[in-house]
Amino acid sequence: MRILGLAILAIATASMAGSARAQTYDPSYPVCLHVYGKATYYECRYTSLAQCNLSASGRAAQCLVNPYFASAYQEPYGRYPKRHRRVY
């Protein structure tokens, strides 16, 4: 009987837990809009800061650069790219 009671208690506790949050940044777009209010959320669907600023005007919102943008360009380290030598 105790095992049944503990099992029911464990199931009830697990069902009351909140759902996991999904990824907040969409890696397809370089600019995100962070909207503040009762429900704070990110909208990552803007291609430029100017486009995002137009959408943010008049609202409690801020435009941010997406840290997870998939096509982000990174400078190679040093002046020339590293070349590998073959060892015979």
Protein backbone atom coordinates (compact mmCIF):
# COMPACT_ATOMS: atom_id res chain seq x y z
CA MET A 1 0.00 0.00 0.00
CA ARG A 2 2.89 2.36 0.74
CA ILE A 3 4.41 1.76 -2.67
CA LEU A 4 1.11 2.60 -4.36
CA GLY A 5 0.80 5.80 -2.30
CA LEU A 6 4.38 6.83 -3.10
CA ALA A 7 3.82 6.10 -6.79
CA ILE A 8 0.70 8.27 -6.84
CA LEU A 9 2.55 11.03 -4.98
CA ALA A 10 5.47 10.87 -7.44
CA ILE A 11 3.13 11.01 -10.46
CA ALA A 12 1.22 13.96 -8.98
CA THR A 13 4.45 15.83 -8.24
CA ALA A 14 5.80 15.21 -11.75
CA SER A 15 2.55 16.34 -13.38
CA MET A 16 2.52 19.61 -11.41
CA ALA A 17 5.99 20.59 -12.58
CA GLY A 18 6.07 23.29 -15.27
CA SER A 19 7.01 22.54 -18.81
CA ALA A 20 10.54 23.15 -20.04
CA ARG A 21 11.18 26.38 -21.95
CA ALA A 22 12.17 26.18 -25.57
CA GLN A 23 15.15 27.92 -27.11
CA THR A 24 14.54 31.67 -26.97
CA TYR A 25 16.79 32.73 -29.82
CA ASP A 26 16.04 31.69 -33.41
CA PRO A 27 19.41 31.06 -35.11
CA SER A 28 18.01 32.04 -38.54
CA TYR A 29 17.81 35.81 -37.93
CA PRO A 30 20.57 38.22 -36.81
CA VAL A 31 18.40 40.59 -34.70
CA CYS A 32 16.02 39.86 -31.82
CA LEU A 33 13.38 42.01 -30.14
CA HIS A 34 13.19 41.61 -26.35
CA VAL A 35 9.67 42.58 -25.23
CA TYR A 36 9.10 43.43 -21.55
CA GLY A 37 5.80 43.26 -19.68
CA LYS A 38 3.62 40.65 -17.97
CA ALA A 39 4.90 38.13 -20.48
CA THR A 40 8.58 38.79 -21.27
CA TYR A 41 9.67 37.14 -24.52
CA TYR A 42 12.05 37.34 -27.49
CA GLU A 43 11.05 37.73 -31.14
CA CYS A 44 13.96 36.73 -33.36
CA ARG A 45 12.62 37.45 -36.82
CA TYR A 46 14.32 40.67 -37.92
CA THR A 47 17.02 41.06 -40.55
CA SER A 48 18.32 44.48 -39.43
CA LEU A 49 18.40 46.71 -36.36
CA ALA A 50 16.41 49.40 -38.23
CA GLN A 51 13.61 46.93 -38.94
CA CYS A 52 13.58 45.85 -35.31
CA ASN A 53 13.59 49.45 -34.03
CA LEU A 54 10.49 50.22 -36.11
CA SER A 55 8.69 47.33 -34.48
CA ALA A 56 9.92 48.28 -30.99
CA SER A 57 8.83 51.93 -31.15
CA GLY A 58 6.05 52.71 -28.70
CA ARG A 59 6.47 49.48 -26.77
CA ALA A 60 8.50 48.41 -23.78
CA ALA A 61 11.02 46.58 -25.95
CA GLN A 62 14.70 46.54 -26.85
CA CYS A 63 16.53 45.29 -29.95
CA LEU A 64 19.45 42.91 -29.44
CA VAL A 65 21.98 41.24 -31.69
CA ASN A 66 21.28 37.50 -31.81
CA PRO A 67 24.19 35.65 -30.15
CA TYR A 68 23.20 32.39 -31.86
CA PHE A 69 22.93 33.67 -35.44
CA ALA A 70 23.85 30.71 -37.67
CA SER A 71 25.62 32.67 -40.41
CA ALA A 72 27.77 34.80 -38.14
CA TYR A 73 31.17 35.55 -39.65
CA GLN A 74 34.31 35.19 -37.57
CA GLU A 75 37.69 36.58 -38.53
CA PRO A 76 40.39 33.94 -38.85
CA TYR A 77 43.07 34.10 -36.19
CA GLY A 78 46.23 35.82 -37.34
CA ARG A 79 47.07 37.36 -40.67
CA TYR A 80 47.02 34.21 -42.76
CA PRO A 81 45.02 31.04 -42.32
CA LYS A 82 46.89 28.19 -40.74
CA ARG A 83 48.50 25.81 -43.22
CA HIS A 84 49.22 22.25 -42.31
CA ARG A 85 52.42 20.64 -43.47
CA ARG A 86 52.51 17.08 -44.54
CA VAL A 87 54.98 14.92 -42.72
CA TYR A 88 56.46 12.11 -44.79
